[in-house]
Amino acid sequence: MTLLPALAFARSAEERVSRELSWTRPDEAFFAAGACHQLAYVMASRSPGAAIVHLRPRERGGDHMVVQLDDRAFDFNGWNDVAAVIDVNAAAARERYGADWSFDRIVVPGDLAGFESYCRSHEHRLAADFAGDVVARAEMYIAGRSLP
């Protein structure tokens, strides 16, 4: 399977503003860009020992959240080698934003209160901010996927 960068599914300006337009995107696009943090939270809550990791840009766009468990990472692509997931997303961001694009790898609190506080501080939508039940949608997306 070829890994795709989250930026391949970047939301339009209209989708960024409209909860309804964002919600109607296909699952892959929805969980790649706009709700990756919610997918990460649901998967981390099912994966003992896993961490939610934010690939947070230092200056420009291109952020993404994944779940890391040992040397594996989970995002909309499924479970893959963590280095490959980071590399494909960083390469796409450098192509879009310039060769000097860089990021910090931030481990996000895994409990609900800490996760929501982190999301608020980085202007990521909380579960209640989506047009539908994002947790149920994430659970359906990952249903049947096993741990690495």
Protein backbone atom coordinates (compact mmCIF):
# COMPACT_ATOMS: atom_id res chain seq x y z
CA MET A 1 0.00 0.00 0.00
CA THR A 2 1.25 3.45 -0.89
CA LEU A 3 1.16 5.92 1.96
CA LEU A 4 -0.60 9.17 1.21
CA PRO A 5 0.18 12.44 2.97
CA ALA A 6 -2.62 14.16 4.87
CA LEU A 7 -2.08 17.23 2.68
CA ALA A 8 -3.35 15.24 -0.31
CA PHE A 9 -6.78 15.70 1.29
CA ALA A 10 -6.46 19.30 2.48
CA ARG A 11 -9.80 20.96 3.06
CA SER A 12 -10.94 23.82 0.85
CA ALA A 13 -11.49 27.23 2.42
CA GLU A 14 -15.23 26.53 2.39
CA GLU A 15 -14.76 23.14 4.11
CA ARG A 16 -12.60 24.76 6.79
CA VAL A 17 -15.41 27.17 7.65
CA SER A 18 -18.45 24.92 7.21
CA ARG A 19 -18.89 22.07 9.67
CA GLU A 20 -21.47 20.53 7.34
CA LEU A 21 -19.27 20.61 4.22
CA SER A 22 -16.36 19.20 6.18
CA TRP A 23 -18.58 16.45 7.61
CA THR A 24 -19.79 15.29 4.18
CA ARG A 25 -16.28 14.53 2.92
CA PRO A 26 -15.46 10.85 2.34
CA ASP A 27 -14.04 9.13 5.43
CA GLU A 28 -10.47 8.97 4.14
CA ALA A 29 -10.38 12.70 3.38
CA PHE A 30 -12.25 13.57 6.57
CA PHE A 31 -9.82 11.67 8.80
CA ALA A 32 -6.74 12.74 6.84
CA ALA A 33 -7.38 16.46 7.14
CA GLY A 34 -9.74 18.04 9.60
CA ALA A 35 -10.44 15.17 11.98
CA CYS A 36 -7.12 13.31 12.22
CA HIS A 37 -6.90 14.30 15.87
CA GLN A 38 -10.27 12.72 16.63
CA LEU A 39 -9.30 9.50 14.83
CA ALA A 40 -6.04 9.47 16.79
CA TYR A 41 -7.84 9.90 20.10
CA VAL A 42 -10.25 7.02 19.42
CA MET A 43 -7.46 4.68 18.27
CA ALA A 44 -5.21 5.62 21.20
CA SER A 45 -8.03 4.88 23.63
CA ARG A 46 -8.20 1.35 22.17
CA SER A 47 -4.44 0.77 22.11
CA PRO A 48 -2.77 0.32 25.50
CA GLY A 49 0.66 1.95 25.55
CA ALA A 50 -0.03 4.10 22.48
CA ALA A 51 0.62 7.83 22.34
CA ILE A 52 -1.10 10.56 20.38
CA VAL A 53 1.58 12.45 18.47
CA HIS A 54 1.10 15.85 16.86
CA LEU A 55 3.41 16.68 13.98
CA ARG A 56 3.12 20.40 14.64
CA PRO A 57 4.60 22.80 12.09
CA ARG A 58 6.90 25.46 13.47
CA GLU A 59 5.71 28.19 11.11
CA ARG A 60 3.29 27.14 8.38
CA GLY A 61 0.51 24.60 7.78
CA GLY A 62 0.88 20.88 7.34
CA ASP A 63 0.14 19.56 10.81
CA HIS A 64 -1.12 16.03 11.38
CA MET A 65 -1.91 13.83 14.38
CA VAL A 66 -1.20 10.13 14.53
CA VAL A 67 -1.10 7.36 17.11
CA GLN A 68 2.30 5.85 17.82
CA LEU A 69 2.79 2.43 19.32
CA ASP A 70 6.43 1.39 19.39
CA ASP A 71 7.72 1.73 15.81
CA ARG A 72 4.25 1.82 14.22
CA ALA A 73 1.95 4.76 13.56
CA PHE A 74 -1.77 4.83 12.85
CA ASP A 75 -3.57 7.48 10.83
CA PHE A 76 -6.11 7.45 8.00
CA ASN A 77 -3.73 5.14 6.08
CA GLY A 78 -3.95 2.47 8.80
CA TRP A 79 -0.93 1.09 10.69
CA ASN A 80 2.48 1.75 9.10
CA ASP A 81 6.10 2.30 10.01
CA VAL A 82 6.28 5.52 12.04
CA ALA A 83 9.29 6.85 10.12
CA ALA A 84 7.49 6.33 6.80
CA VAL A 85 4.38 8.15 8.04
CA ILE A 86 6.46 11.09 9.25
CA ASP A 87 8.55 11.15 6.07
CA VAL A 88 5.59 11.16 3.66
CA ASN A 89 3.86 13.97 5.55
CA ALA A 90 7.01 16.05 5.96
CA ALA A 91 7.89 15.66 2.25
CA ALA A 92 4.42 16.85 1.20
CA ALA A 93 4.60 19.83 3.55
CA ARG A 94 8.05 20.79 2.26
CA GLU A 95 6.78 20.56 -1.31
CA ARG A 96 3.82 22.80 -0.50
CA TYR A 97 5.36 25.24 1.99
CA GLY A 98 9.06 25.27 1.09
CA ALA A 99 12.20 23.29 1.76
CA ASP A 100 12.68 25.00 5.13
CA TRP A 101 9.38 23.64 6.52
CA SER A 102 9.97 21.92 9.85
CA PHE A 103 7.91 20.53 12.69
CA ASP A 104 7.98 19.54 16.32
CA ARG A 105 6.88 16.10 17.47
CA ILE A 106 4.55 16.73 20.42
CA VAL A 107 3.12 13.94 22.56
CA VAL A 108 -0.47 14.95 23.33
CA PRO A 109 -2.12 14.04 26.64
CA GLY A 110 -4.12 10.84 26.15
CA ASP A 111 -6.83 11.47 28.74
CA LEU A 112 -9.95 13.26 27.49
CA ALA A 113 -9.43 16.43 29.56
CA GLY A 114 -5.81 16.81 28.49
CA PHE A 115 -6.58 15.99 24.88
CA GLU A 116 -9.42 18.52 24.72
CA SER A 117 -7.31 21.19 26.40
CA TYR A 118 -4.53 20.60 23.87
CA CYS A 119 -7.01 20.73 20.98
CA ARG A 120 -8.50 24.00 22.22
CA SER A 121 -5.05 25.57 22.53
CA HIS A 122 -4.23 24.62 18.92
CA GLU A 123 -7.63 25.49 17.44
CA HIS A 124 -8.59 21.89 16.63
CA ARG A 125 -12.28 21.07 16.76
CA LEU A 126 -13.54 19.24 19.80
CA ALA A 127 -15.86 16.28 19.26
CA ALA A 128 -18.90 18.46 19.96
CA ASP A 129 -17.81 20.92 17.24
CA PHE A 130 -18.43 18.48 14.38
CA ALA A 131 -21.70 18.28 12.45
CA GLY A 132 -22.24 14.70 13.63
CA ASP A 133 -20.92 12.10 16.07
CA VAL A 134 -17.23 12.12 15.15
CA VAL A 135 -16.34 9.51 17.76
CA ALA A 136 -18.86 7.02 16.34
CA ARG A 137 -17.62 7.80 12.82
CA ALA A 138 -14.01 7.19 13.91
CA GLU A 139 -14.99 3.92 15.60
CA MET A 140 -16.66 2.76 12.39
CA TYR A 141 -13.60 3.79 10.34
CA ILE A 142 -11.24 1.74 12.48
CA ALA A 143 -13.62 -1.18 13.04
CA GLY A 144 -11.93 -4.44 12.17
CA ARG A 145 -8.44 -2.93 12.14
CA SER A 146 -6.12 -4.80 14.46
CA LEU A 147 -3.21 -3.52 16.47
CA PRO A 148 0.15 -3.76 14.73
